[in-house]
C-alpha cells in the first residue's frame, strides 16, 4: 500500500523512538507493519468492531499487542499523542469536520492525513 509507505516515510522525519502514534481509522492495524521498525508506541482506533477484532487476533504475531487496537469513533477520543496518522478515512465520512477537529486536538506534534 503506497499510502502507508508514504505516511511512514513522512513520519520518520518527525518521530522519535518511544513517542506515541495514533492510527485513526486503523482497520485491522495494517499500518503498524509500516512503522514497526521506528520504535513508536502504536495505538490504532477504528469504529468497525469486526476489523478491530481481526487485528486483535492477528497483529500480536507481528509485535502489536491486542490492547493497542481500540474500537471507538474518532470524535469520542480524548487525551493526546505525539503523532496522528489518518489514511483514507475522512473522505469517506458524511461530515469530516468534527473528526478532523478531534485529530487536530489530539496531535501534539504531527498530523498526517490522506
PDB file of N, CA and C in Angstrom:
ATOM      1  N   UNK A   1       0.851  -1.189   0.000  1.00  0.00           N
ATOM      2  CA  UNK A   1       0.000   0.000   0.000  1.00  0.00           C
ATOM      3  C   UNK A   1       0.889   1.242   0.000  1.00  0.00           C
ATOM      4  N   UNK A   2       0.803   1.980  -1.055  1.00  0.00           N
ATOM      5  CA  UNK A   2       1.632   3.169  -1.195  1.00  0.00           C
ATOM      6  C   UNK A   2       1.356   4.221  -0.136  1.00  0.00           C
ATOM      7  N   UNK A   3       0.081   4.413   0.241  1.00  0.00           N
ATOM      8  CA  UNK A   3      -0.218   5.456   1.222  1.00  0.00           C
ATOM      9  C   UNK A   3       0.424   5.152   2.574  1.00  0.00           C
ATOM     10  N   UNK A   4       0.467   3.907   2.964  1.00  0.00           N
ATOM     11  CA  UNK A   4       1.116   3.537   4.230  1.00  0.00           C
ATOM     12  C   UNK A   4       2.614   3.775   4.164  1.00  0.00           C
ATOM     13  N   UNK A   5       3.210   3.381   3.074  1.00  0.00           N
ATOM     14  CA  UNK A   5       4.654   3.566   2.891  1.00  0.00           C
ATOM     15  C   UNK A   5       5.003   5.056   2.877  1.00  0.00           C
ATOM     16  N   UNK A   6       4.202   5.850   2.181  1.00  0.00           N
ATOM     17  CA  UNK A   6       4.441   7.291   2.116  1.00  0.00           C
ATOM     18  C   UNK A   6       4.270   7.949   3.484  1.00  0.00           C
ATOM     19  N   UNK A   7       3.222   7.583   4.206  1.00  0.00           N
ATOM     20  CA  UNK A   7       2.991   8.154   5.529  1.00  0.00           C
ATOM     21  C   UNK A   7       4.119   7.775   6.486  1.00  0.00           C
ATOM     22  N   UNK A   8       4.585   6.530   6.421  1.00  0.00           N
ATOM     23  CA  UNK A   8       5.689   6.097   7.282  1.00  0.00           C
ATOM     24  C   UNK A   8       6.956   6.879   6.971  1.00  0.00           C
ATOM     25  N   UNK A   9       7.204   7.142   5.694  1.00  0.00           N
ATOM     26  CA  UNK A   9       8.384   7.925   5.318  1.00  0.00           C
ATOM     27  C   UNK A   9       8.275   9.357   5.833  1.00  0.00           C
ATOM     28  N   UNK A  10       7.112   9.962   5.706  1.00  0.00           N
ATOM     29  CA  UNK A  10       6.906  11.310   6.243  1.00  0.00           C
ATOM     30  C   UNK A  10       7.099  11.327   7.757  1.00  0.00           C
ATOM     31  N   UNK A  11       6.519  10.361   8.416  1.00  0.00           N
ATOM     32  CA  UNK A  11       6.591  10.276   9.876  1.00  0.00           C
ATOM     33  C   UNK A  11       8.018  10.101  10.362  1.00  0.00           C
ATOM     34  N   UNK A  12       8.831   9.376   9.619  1.00  0.00           N
ATOM     35  CA  UNK A  12      10.201   9.115  10.065  1.00  0.00           C
ATOM     36  C   UNK A  12      11.018  10.396  10.183  1.00  0.00           C
ATOM     37  N   UNK A  13      10.618  11.442   9.482  1.00  0.00           N
ATOM     38  CA  UNK A  13      11.317  12.718   9.588  1.00  0.00           C
ATOM     39  C   UNK A  13      10.980  13.496  10.848  1.00  0.00           C
ATOM     40  N   UNK A  14       9.929  13.103  11.553  1.00  0.00           N
ATOM     41  CA  UNK A  14       9.474  13.832  12.730  1.00  0.00           C
ATOM     42  C   UNK A  14       9.487  12.999  14.013  1.00  0.00           C
ATOM     43  N   UNK A  15       9.215  11.729  13.889  1.00  0.00           N
ATOM     44  CA  UNK A  15       9.012  10.876  15.061  1.00  0.00           C
ATOM     45  C   UNK A  15      10.322  10.344  15.622  1.00  0.00           C
ATOM     46  N   UNK A  16      10.350  10.203  16.939  1.00  0.00           N
ATOM     47  CA  UNK A  16      11.490   9.641  17.656  1.00  0.00           C
ATOM     48  C   UNK A  16      11.043   8.360  18.368  1.00  0.00           C
ATOM     49  N   UNK A  17      11.919   7.376  18.497  1.00  0.00           N
ATOM     50  CA  UNK A  17      11.560   6.156  19.217  1.00  0.00           C
ATOM     51  C   UNK A  17      10.998   6.489  20.603  1.00  0.00           C
ATOM     52  N   UNK A  18       9.960   5.763  20.979  1.00  0.00           N
ATOM     53  CA  UNK A  18       9.322   5.958  22.272  1.00  0.00           C
ATOM     54  C   UNK A  18       8.158   6.931  22.245  1.00  0.00           C
ATOM     55  N   UNK A  19       8.017   7.699  21.175  1.00  0.00           N
ATOM     56  CA  UNK A  19       6.882   8.615  21.080  1.00  0.00           C
ATOM     57  C   UNK A  19       5.618   7.831  20.731  1.00  0.00           C
ATOM     58  N   UNK A  20       4.472   8.477  20.898  1.00  0.00           N
ATOM     59  CA  UNK A  20       3.190   7.819  20.675  1.00  0.00           C
ATOM     60  C   UNK A  20       2.630   8.156  19.302  1.00  0.00           C
ATOM     61  N   UNK A  21       1.972   7.162  18.711  1.00  0.00           N
ATOM     62  CA  UNK A  21       1.339   7.316  17.408  1.00  0.00           C
ATOM     63  C   UNK A  21      -0.078   6.773  17.470  1.00  0.00           C
ATOM     64  N   UNK A  22      -1.024   7.578  17.015  1.00  0.00           N
ATOM     65  CA  UNK A  22      -2.408   7.145  16.866  1.00  0.00           C
ATOM     66  C   UNK A  22      -2.688   6.929  15.390  1.00  0.00           C
ATOM     67  N   UNK A  23      -3.142   5.752  15.044  1.00  0.00           N
ATOM     68  CA  UNK A  23      -3.563   5.412  13.690  1.00  0.00           C
ATOM     69  C   UNK A  23      -5.091   5.478  13.693  1.00  0.00           C
ATOM     70  N   UNK A  24      -5.650   6.611  13.256  1.00  0.00           N
ATOM     71  CA  UNK A  24      -7.097   6.839  13.278  1.00  0.00           C
ATOM     72  C   UNK A  24      -7.727   6.225  12.041  1.00  0.00           C
ATOM     73  N   UNK A  25      -8.647   5.289  12.257  1.00  0.00           N
ATOM     74  CA  UNK A  25      -9.225   4.545  11.154  1.00  0.00           C
ATOM     75  C   UNK A  25      -8.324   3.388  10.768  1.00  0.00           C
ATOM     76  N   UNK A  26      -7.823   2.697  11.763  1.00  0.00           N
ATOM     77  CA  UNK A  26      -6.770   1.687  11.575  1.00  0.00           C
ATOM     78  C   UNK A  26      -7.232   0.408  10.905  1.00  0.00           C
ATOM     79  N   UNK A  27      -8.533   0.174  10.856  1.00  0.00           N
ATOM     80  CA  UNK A  27      -8.998  -1.126  10.352  1.00  0.00           C
ATOM     81  C   UNK A  27      -8.477  -2.226  11.253  1.00  0.00           C
ATOM     82  N   UNK A  28      -7.721  -3.147  10.692  1.00  0.00           N
ATOM     83  CA  UNK A  28      -7.161  -4.239  11.494  1.00  0.00           C
ATOM     84  C   UNK A  28      -5.722  -3.970  11.931  1.00  0.00           C
ATOM     85  N   UNK A  29      -5.222  -2.743  11.701  1.00  0.00           N
ATOM     86  CA  UNK A  29      -3.890  -2.371  12.185  1.00  0.00           C
ATOM     87  C   UNK A  29      -2.783  -2.521  11.166  1.00  0.00           C
ATOM     88  N   UNK A  30      -3.114  -2.574   9.902  1.00  0.00           N
ATOM     89  CA  UNK A  30      -2.124  -2.801   8.846  1.00  0.00           C
ATOM     90  C   UNK A  30      -0.963  -1.803   8.890  1.00  0.00           C
ATOM     91  N   UNK A  31      -1.241  -0.539   9.218  1.00  0.00           N
ATOM     92  CA  UNK A  31      -0.197   0.489   9.201  1.00  0.00           C
ATOM     93  C   UNK A  31       0.940   0.172  10.181  1.00  0.00           C
ATOM     94  N   UNK A  32       0.665  -0.615  11.196  1.00  0.00           N
ATOM     95  CA  UNK A  32       1.700  -0.995  12.158  1.00  0.00           C
ATOM     96  C   UNK A  32       2.913  -1.599  11.448  1.00  0.00           C
ATOM     97  N   UNK A  33       2.679  -2.392  10.401  1.00  0.00           N
ATOM     98  CA  UNK A  33       3.781  -3.009   9.657  1.00  0.00           C
ATOM     99  C   UNK A  33       4.729  -1.949   9.091  1.00  0.00           C
ATOM    100  N   UNK A  34       4.170  -0.810   8.697  1.00  0.00           N
ATOM    101  CA  UNK A  34       4.975   0.243   8.062  1.00  0.00           C
ATOM    102  C   UNK A  34       5.833   1.017   9.050  1.00  0.00           C
ATOM    103  N   UNK A  35       5.466   1.017  10.315  1.00  0.00           N
ATOM    104  CA  UNK A  35       6.203   1.817  11.308  1.00  0.00           C
ATOM    105  C   UNK A  35       6.835   0.978  12.409  1.00  0.00           C
ATOM    106  N   UNK A  36       6.715  -0.327  12.334  1.00  0.00           N
ATOM    107  CA  UNK A  36       7.213  -1.204  13.407  1.00  0.00           C
ATOM    108  C   UNK A  36       8.685  -0.968  13.723  1.00  0.00           C
ATOM    109  N   UNK A  37       9.483  -0.686  12.717  1.00  0.00           N
ATOM    110  CA  UNK A  37      10.921  -0.505  12.932  1.00  0.00           C
ATOM    111  C   UNK A  37      11.265   0.865  13.524  1.00  0.00           C
ATOM    112  N   UNK A  38      10.289   1.784  13.609  1.00  0.00           N
ATOM    113  CA  UNK A  38      10.570   3.132  14.110  1.00  0.00           C
ATOM    114  C   UNK A  38      10.525   3.236  15.635  1.00  0.00           C
ATOM    115  N   UNK A  39      10.088   2.190  16.315  1.00  0.00           N
ATOM    116  CA  UNK A  39      10.104   2.194  17.770  1.00  0.00           C
ATOM    117  C   UNK A  39       9.057   3.093  18.409  1.00  0.00           C
ATOM    118  N   UNK A  40       7.937   3.296  17.722  1.00  0.00           N
ATOM    119  CA  UNK A  40       6.870   4.142  18.253  1.00  0.00           C
ATOM    120  C   UNK A  40       5.881   3.310  19.056  1.00  0.00           C
ATOM    121  N   UNK A  41       5.243   3.946  20.026  1.00  0.00           N
ATOM    122  CA  UNK A  41       4.170   3.304  20.781  1.00  0.00           C
ATOM    123  C   UNK A  41       2.891   3.479  19.977  1.00  0.00           C
ATOM    124  N   UNK A  42       2.450   2.400  19.336  1.00  0.00           N
ATOM    125  CA  UNK A  42       1.338   2.413  18.398  1.00  0.00           C
ATOM    126  C   UNK A  42       0.011   2.168  19.093  1.00  0.00           C
ATOM    127  N   UNK A  43      -0.989   2.948  18.693  1.00  0.00           N
ATOM    128  CA  UNK A  43      -2.367   2.714  19.094  1.00  0.00           C
ATOM    129  C   UNK A  43      -3.232   2.920  17.868  1.00  0.00           C
ATOM    130  N   UNK A  44      -4.071   1.947  17.547  1.00  0.00           N
ATOM    131  CA  UNK A  44      -4.982   2.063  16.420  1.00  0.00           C
ATOM    132  C   UNK A  44      -6.406   2.126  16.903  1.00  0.00           C
ATOM    133  N   UNK A  45      -7.212   2.963  16.251  1.00  0.00           N
ATOM    134  CA  UNK A  45      -8.624   3.077  16.599  1.00  0.00           C
ATOM    135  C   UNK A  45      -9.456   3.008  15.330  1.00  0.00           C
ATOM    136  N   UNK A  46     -10.556   2.260  15.405  1.00  0.00           N
ATOM    137  CA  UNK A  46     -11.471   2.148  14.278  1.00  0.00           C
ATOM    138  C   UNK A  46     -12.875   1.928  14.825  1.00  0.00           C
ATOM    139  N   UNK A  47     -13.868   2.409  14.080  1.00  0.00           N
ATOM    140  CA  UNK A  47     -15.257   2.279  14.516  1.00  0.00           C
ATOM    141  C   UNK A  47     -15.875   0.939  14.132  1.00  0.00           C
ATOM    142  N   UNK A  48     -15.166   0.125  13.359  1.00  0.00           N
ATOM    143  CA  UNK A  48     -15.684  -1.167  12.915  1.00  0.00           C
ATOM    144  C   UNK A  48     -15.211  -2.285  13.842  1.00  0.00           C
ATOM    145  N   UNK A  49     -16.086  -2.799  14.689  1.00  0.00           N
ATOM    146  CA  UNK A  49     -15.685  -3.848  15.643  1.00  0.00           C
ATOM    147  C   UNK A  49     -15.095  -5.080  14.968  1.00  0.00           C
ATOM    148  N   UNK A  50     -15.625  -5.463  13.811  1.00  0.00           N
ATOM    149  CA  UNK A  50     -15.121  -6.672  13.143  1.00  0.00           C
ATOM    150  C   UNK A  50     -13.674  -6.502  12.697  1.00  0.00           C
ATOM    151  N   UNK A  51     -13.313  -5.326  12.195  1.00  0.00           N
ATOM    152  CA  UNK A  51     -11.930  -5.092  11.774  1.00  0.00           C
ATOM    153  C   UNK A  51     -10.983  -5.048  12.962  1.00  0.00           C
ATOM    154  N   UNK A  52     -11.403  -4.391  14.026  1.00  0.00           N
ATOM    155  CA  UNK A  52     -10.571  -4.322  15.232  1.00  0.00           C
ATOM    156  C   UNK A  52     -10.345  -5.724  15.788  1.00  0.00           C
ATOM    157  N   UNK A  53     -11.372  -6.548  15.777  1.00  0.00           N
ATOM    158  CA  UNK A  53     -11.236  -7.912  16.289  1.00  0.00           C
ATOM    159  C   UNK A  53     -10.254  -8.724  15.448  1.00  0.00           C
ATOM    160  N   UNK A  54     -10.290  -8.559  14.128  1.00  0.00           N
ATOM    161  CA  UNK A  54      -9.315  -9.241  13.266  1.00  0.00           C
ATOM    162  C   UNK A  54      -7.901  -8.815  13.664  1.00  0.00           C
ATOM    163  N   UNK A  55      -7.698  -7.514  13.850  1.00  0.00           N
ATOM    164  CA  UNK A  55      -6.390  -7.015  14.255  1.00  0.00           C
ATOM    165  C   UNK A  55      -5.949  -7.545  15.601  1.00  0.00           C
ATOM    166  N   UNK A  56      -6.874  -7.625  16.538  1.00  0.00           N
ATOM    167  CA  UNK A  56      -6.537  -8.145  17.873  1.00  0.00           C
ATOM    168  C   UNK A  56      -6.103  -9.604  17.817  1.00  0.00           C
ATOM    169  N   UNK A  57      -6.649 -10.339  16.866  1.00  0.00           N
ATOM    170  CA  UNK A  57      -6.274 -11.748  16.721  1.00  0.00           C
ATOM    171  C   UNK A  57      -4.972 -11.919  15.950  1.00  0.00           C
ATOM    172  N   UNK A  58      -4.757 -11.110  14.922  1.00  0.00           N
ATOM    173  CA  UNK A  58      -3.637 -11.327  14.010  1.00  0.00           C
ATOM    174  C   UNK A  58      -2.370 -10.532  14.331  1.00  0.00           C
ATOM    175  N   UNK A  59      -2.514  -9.306  14.805  1.00  0.00           N
ATOM    176  CA  UNK A  59      -1.357  -8.414  14.931  1.00  0.00           C
ATOM    177  C   UNK A  59      -0.371  -8.753  16.044  1.00  0.00           C
ATOM    178  N   UNK A  60      -0.773  -9.416  17.135  1.00  0.00           N
ATOM    179  CA  UNK A  60       0.233  -9.779  18.141  1.00  0.00           C
ATOM    180  C   UNK A  60       1.382 -10.620  17.574  1.00  0.00           C
ATOM    181  N   UNK A  61       1.120 -11.399  16.555  1.00  0.00           N
ATOM    182  CA  UNK A  61       2.179 -12.206  15.935  1.00  0.00           C
ATOM    183  C   UNK A  61       3.259 -11.332  15.295  1.00  0.00           C
ATOM    184  N   UNK A  62       2.936 -10.069  15.038  1.00  0.00           N
ATOM    185  CA  UNK A  62       3.875  -9.132  14.419  1.00  0.00           C
ATOM    186  C   UNK A  62       4.418  -8.101  15.409  1.00  0.00           C
ATOM    187  N   UNK A  63       4.099  -8.275  16.700  1.00  0.00           N
ATOM    188  CA  UNK A  63       4.618  -7.387  17.725  1.00  0.00           C
ATOM    189  C   UNK A  63       3.685  -6.269  18.160  1.00  0.00           C
ATOM    190  N   UNK A  64       2.468  -6.258  17.657  1.00  0.00           N
ATOM    191  CA  UNK A  64       1.479  -5.237  18.042  1.00  0.00           C
ATOM    192  C   UNK A  64       0.516  -5.845  19.057  1.00  0.00           C
ATOM    193  N   UNK A  65       0.598  -5.429  20.323  1.00  0.00           N
ATOM    194  CA  UNK A  65      -0.283  -6.003  21.342  1.00  0.00           C
ATOM    195  C   UNK A  65      -1.755  -5.799  21.009  1.00  0.00           C
ATOM    196  N   UNK A  66      -2.584  -6.780  21.308  1.00  0.00           N
ATOM    197  CA  UNK A  66      -4.014  -6.683  21.002  1.00  0.00           C
ATOM    198  C   UNK A  66      -4.664  -5.494  21.698  1.00  0.00           C
ATOM    199  N   UNK A  67      -4.153  -5.114  22.870  1.00  0.00           N
ATOM    200  CA  UNK A  67      -4.729  -3.971  23.592  1.00  0.00           C
ATOM    201  C   UNK A  67      -4.438  -2.641  22.892  1.00  0.00           C
ATOM    202  N   UNK A  68      -3.558  -2.653  21.893  1.00  0.00           N
ATOM    203  CA  UNK A  68      -3.231  -1.433  21.152  1.00  0.00           C
ATOM    204  C   UNK A  68      -4.273  -1.095  20.094  1.00  0.00           C
ATOM    205  N   UNK A  69      -5.234  -1.973  19.872  1.00  0.00           N
ATOM    206  CA  UNK A  69      -6.295  -1.745  18.894  1.00  0.00           C
ATOM    207  C   UNK A  69      -7.609  -1.540  19.635  1.00  0.00           C
ATOM    208  N   UNK A  70      -8.239  -0.417  19.379  1.00  0.00           N
ATOM    209  CA  UNK A  70      -9.420   0.004  20.133  1.00  0.00           C
ATOM    210  C   UNK A  70     -10.576   0.267  19.178  1.00  0.00           C
ATOM    211  N   UNK A  71     -11.756  -0.156  19.567  1.00  0.00           N
ATOM    212  CA  UNK A  71     -12.958   0.133  18.790  1.00  0.00           C
ATOM    213  C   UNK A  71     -13.599   1.399  19.364  1.00  0.00           C
ATOM    214  N   UNK A  72     -13.563   2.472  18.584  1.00  0.00           N
ATOM    215  CA  UNK A  72     -14.147   3.752  19.015  1.00  0.00           C
ATOM    216  C   UNK A  72     -14.264   4.670  17.809  1.00  0.00           C
ATOM    217  N   UNK A  73     -15.085   5.682  17.945  1.00  0.00           N
ATOM    218  CA  UNK A  73     -15.199   6.718  16.917  1.00  0.00           C
ATOM    219  C   UNK A  73     -14.144   7.784  17.173  1.00  0.00           C
ATOM    220  N   UNK A  74     -13.637   8.372  16.123  1.00  0.00           N
ATOM    221  CA  UNK A  74     -12.622   9.422  16.251  1.00  0.00           C
ATOM    222  C   UNK A  74     -13.125  10.554  17.142  1.00  0.00           C
ATOM    223  N   UNK A  75     -14.372  10.930  16.947  1.00  0.00           N
ATOM    224  CA  UNK A  75     -14.939  12.060  17.699  1.00  0.00           C
ATOM    225  C   UNK A  75     -14.962  11.831  19.202  1.00  0.00           C
ATOM    226  N   UNK A  76     -14.918  10.571  19.631  1.00  0.00           N
ATOM    227  CA  UNK A  76     -15.019  10.237  21.052  1.00  0.00           C
ATOM    228  C   UNK A  76     -13.668  10.102  21.750  1.00  0.00           C
ATOM    229  N   UNK A  77     -12.581  10.245  21.015  1.00  0.00           N
ATOM    230  CA  UNK A  77     -11.251  10.081  21.607  1.00  0.00           C
ATOM    231  C   UNK A  77     -10.887  11.270  22.484  1.00  0.00           C
ATOM    232  N   UNK A  78     -10.148  10.998  23.543  1.00  0.00           N
ATOM    233  CA  UNK A  78      -9.670  12.041  24.453  1.00  0.00           C
ATOM    234  C   UNK A  78      -8.179  11.849  24.682  1.00  0.00           C
ATOM    235  N   UNK A  79      -7.555  12.872  25.253  1.00  0.00           N
ATOM    236  CA  UNK A  79      -6.138  12.803  25.559  1.00  0.00           C
ATOM    237  C   UNK A  79      -5.312  13.421  24.456  1.00  0.00           C
ATOM    238  N   UNK A  80      -4.056  12.992  24.382  1.00  0.00           N
ATOM    239  CA  UNK A  80      -3.189  13.494  23.321  1.00  0.00           C
ATOM    240  C   UNK A  80      -2.088  12.473  23.052  1.00  0.00           C
ATOM    241  N   UNK A  81      -1.556  12.534  21.844  1.00  0.00           N
ATOM    242  CA  UNK A  81      -0.470  11.676  21.399  1.00  0.00           C
ATOM    243  C   UNK A  81       0.528  12.553  20.655  1.00  0.00           C
ATOM    244  N   UNK A  82       1.697  12.037  20.425  1.00  0.00           N
ATOM    245  CA  UNK A  82       2.686  12.822  19.693  1.00  0.00           C
ATOM    246  C   UNK A  82       2.328  12.962  18.215  1.00  0.00           C
ATOM    247  N   UNK A  83       1.893  11.865  17.609  1.00  0.00           N
ATOM    248  CA  UNK A  83       1.664  11.851  16.170  1.00  0.00           C
ATOM    249  C   UNK A  83       0.347  11.158  15.855  1.00  0.00           C
ATOM    250  N   UNK A  84      -0.337  11.656  14.834  1.00  0.00           N
ATOM    251  CA  UNK A  84      -1.573  11.041  14.354  1.00  0.00           C
ATOM    252  C   UNK A  84      -1.449  10.819  12.854  1.00  0.00           C
ATOM    253  N   UNK A  85      -1.850   9.631  12.431  1.00  0.00           N
ATOM    254  CA  UNK A  85      -1.943   9.302  11.016  1.00  0.00           C
ATOM    255  C   UNK A  85      -3.388   8.887  10.750  1.00  0.00           C
ATOM    256  N   UNK A  86      -3.966   9.448   9.703  1.00  0.00           N
ATOM    257  CA  UNK A  86      -5.341   9.123   9.331  1.00  0.00           C
ATOM    258  C   UNK A  86      -5.372   8.979   7.808  1.00  0.00           C
ATOM    259  N   UNK A  87      -5.417   7.737   7.354  1.00  0.00           N
ATOM    260  CA  UNK A  87      -5.317   7.449   5.927  1.00  0.00           C
ATOM    261  C   UNK A  87      -6.658   6.979   5.369  1.00  0.00           C
ATOM    262  N   UNK A  88      -7.150   7.676   4.364  1.00  0.00           N
ATOM    263  CA  UNK A  88      -8.336   7.263   3.620  1.00  0.00           C
ATOM    264  C   UNK A  88      -9.575   7.077   4.497  1.00  0.00           C
ATOM    265  N   UNK A  89      -9.746   7.956   5.484  1.00  0.00           N
ATOM    266  CA  UNK A  89     -10.887   7.855   6.385  1.00  0.00           C
ATOM    267  C   UNK A  89     -11.817   9.057   6.236  1.00  0.00           C
ATOM    268  N   UNK A  90     -11.284  10.253   6.405  1.00  0.00           N
ATOM    269  CA  UNK A  90     -12.130  11.448   6.441  1.00  0.00           C
ATOM    270  C   UNK A  90     -12.927  11.646   5.162  1.00  0.00           C
ATOM    271  N   UNK A  91     -12.376  11.274   4.033  1.00  0.00           N
ATOM    272  CA  UNK A  91     -13.089  11.449   2.758  1.00  0.00           C
ATOM    273  C   UNK A  91     -14.277  10.499   2.630  1.00  0.00           C
ATOM    274  N   UNK A  92     -14.366   9.507   3.504  1.00  0.00           N
ATOM    275  CA  UNK A  92     -15.484   8.564   3.475  1.00  0.00           C
ATOM    276  C   UNK A  92     -16.582   8.905   4.474  1.00  0.00           C
ATOM    277  N   UNK A  93     -16.442  10.013   5.172  1.00  0.00           N
ATOM    278  CA  UNK A  93     -17.443  10.427   6.156  1.00  0.00           C
ATOM    279  C   UNK A  93     -18.368  11.480   5.564  1.00  0.00           C
ATOM    280  N   UNK A  94     -19.618  11.460   5.989  1.00  0.00           N
ATOM    281  CA  UNK A  94     -20.567  12.479   5.527  1.00  0.00           C
ATOM    282  C   UNK A  94     -20.132  13.873   5.946  1.00  0.00           C
ATOM    283  N   UNK A  95     -19.640  13.981   7.156  1.00  0.00           N
ATOM    284  CA  UNK A  95     -19.195  15.270   7.681  1.00  0.00           C
ATOM    285  C   UNK A  95     -17.879  15.045   8.418  1.00  0.00           C
ATOM    286  N   UNK A  96     -16.793  15.529   7.856  1.00  0.00           N
ATOM    287  CA  UNK A  96     -15.464  15.280   8.411  1.00  0.00           C
ATOM    288  C   UNK A  96     -15.020  16.332   9.424  1.00  0.00           C
ATOM    289  N   UNK A  97     -15.812  17.374   9.641  1.00  0.00           N
ATOM    290  CA  UNK A  97     -15.367  18.498  10.470  1.00  0.00           C
ATOM    291  C   UNK A  97     -15.079  18.110  11.920  1.00  0.00           C
ATOM    292  N   UNK A  98     -15.970  17.411  12.581  1.00  0.00           N
ATOM    293  CA  UNK A  98     -15.726  17.030  13.991  1.00  0.00           C
ATOM    294  C   UNK A  98     -14.571  16.041  14.135  1.00  0.00           C
ATOM    295  N   UNK A  99     -14.520  14.999  13.306  1.00  0.00           N
ATOM    296  CA  UNK A  99     -13.354  14.108  13.415  1.00  0.00           C
ATOM    297  C   UNK A  99     -12.038  14.835  13.153  1.00  0.00           C
ATOM    298  N   UNK A 100     -12.005  15.706  12.164  1.00  0.00           N
ATOM    299  CA  UNK A 100     -10.776  16.454  11.878  1.00  0.00           C
ATOM    300  C   UNK A 100     -10.409  17.351  13.048  1.00  0.00           C
ATOM    301  N   UNK A 101     -11.375  18.015  13.629  1.00  0.00           N
ATOM    302  CA  UNK A 101     -11.122  18.866  14.791  1.00  0.00           C
ATOM    303  C   UNK A 101     -10.541  18.041  15.941  1.00  0.00           C
ATOM    304  N   UNK A 102     -11.085  16.846  16.153  1.00  0.00           N
ATOM    305  CA  UNK A 102     -10.597  15.978  17.231  1.00  0.00           C
ATOM    306  C   UNK A 102      -9.161  15.532  16.955  1.00  0.00           C
ATOM    307  N   UNK A 103      -8.862  15.179  15.712  1.00  0.00           N
ATOM    308  CA  UNK A 103      -7.497  14.754  15.365  1.00  0.00           C
ATOM    309  C   UNK A 103      -6.497  15.885  15.589  1.00  0.00           C
ATOM    310  N   UNK A 104      -6.878  17.098  15.227  1.00  0.00           N
ATOM    311  CA  UNK A 104      -6.001  18.256  15.456  1.00  0.00           C
ATOM    312  C   UNK A 104      -5.778  18.483  16.946  1.00  0.00           C
ATOM    313  N   UNK A 105      -6.799  18.265  17.744  1.00  0.00           N
ATOM    314  CA  UNK A 105      -6.706  18.417  19.194  1.00  0.00           C
ATOM    315  C   UNK A 105      -5.790  17.349  19.804  1.00  0.00           C
ATOM    316  N   UNK A 106      -5.869  16.130  19.294  1.00  0.00           N
ATOM    317  CA  UNK A 106      -5.111  15.002  19.850  1.00  0.00           C
ATOM    318  C   UNK A 106      -3.616  15.064  19.550  1.00  0.00           C
ATOM    319  N   UNK A 107      -3.261  15.596  18.386  1.00  0.00           N
ATOM    320  CA  UNK A 107      -1.874  15.550  17.912  1.00  0.00           C
ATOM    321  C   UNK A 107      -1.030  16.658  18.523  1.00  0.00           C
ATOM    322  N   UNK A 108      -0.010  16.278  19.298  1.00  0.00           N
ATOM    323  CA  UNK A 108       0.907  17.274  19.877  1.00  0.00           C
ATOM    324  C   UNK A 108       1.921  17.767  18.851  1.00  0.00           C
ATOM    325  N   UNK A 109       2.386  16.869  17.972  1.00  0.00           N
ATOM    326  CA  UNK A 109       3.485  17.250  17.064  1.00  0.00           C
ATOM    327  C   UNK A 109       3.077  17.212  15.599  1.00  0.00           C
ATOM    328  N   UNK A 110       2.570  16.087  15.125  1.00  0.00           N
ATOM    329  CA  UNK A 110       2.246  15.997  13.698  1.00  0.00           C
ATOM    330  C   UNK A 110       0.916  15.295  13.462  1.00  0.00           C
ATOM    331  N   UNK A 111       0.293  15.675  12.344  1.00  0.00           N
ATOM    332  CA  UNK A 111      -0.915  15.023  11.854  1.00  0.00           C
ATOM    333  C   UNK A 111      -0.710  14.788  10.358  1.00  0.00           C
ATOM    334  N   UNK A 112      -0.773  13.527   9.967  1.00  0.00           N
ATOM    335  CA  UNK A 112      -0.618  13.162   8.560  1.00  0.00           C
ATOM    336  C   UNK A 112      -1.967  12.649   8.084  1.00  0.00           C
ATOM    337  N   UNK A 113      -2.513  13.325   7.082  1.00  0.00           N
ATOM    338  CA  UNK A 113      -3.823  12.965   6.522  1.00  0.00           C
ATOM    339  C   UNK A 113      -3.683  12.572   5.070  1.00  0.00           C
ATOM    340  N   UNK A 114      -4.566  11.692   4.676  1.00  0.00           N
ATOM    341  CA  UNK A 114      -4.710  11.410   3.253  1.00  0.00           C
ATOM    342  C   UNK A 114      -6.163  11.207   2.977  1.00  0.00           C
TER     343      UNK A 114
END
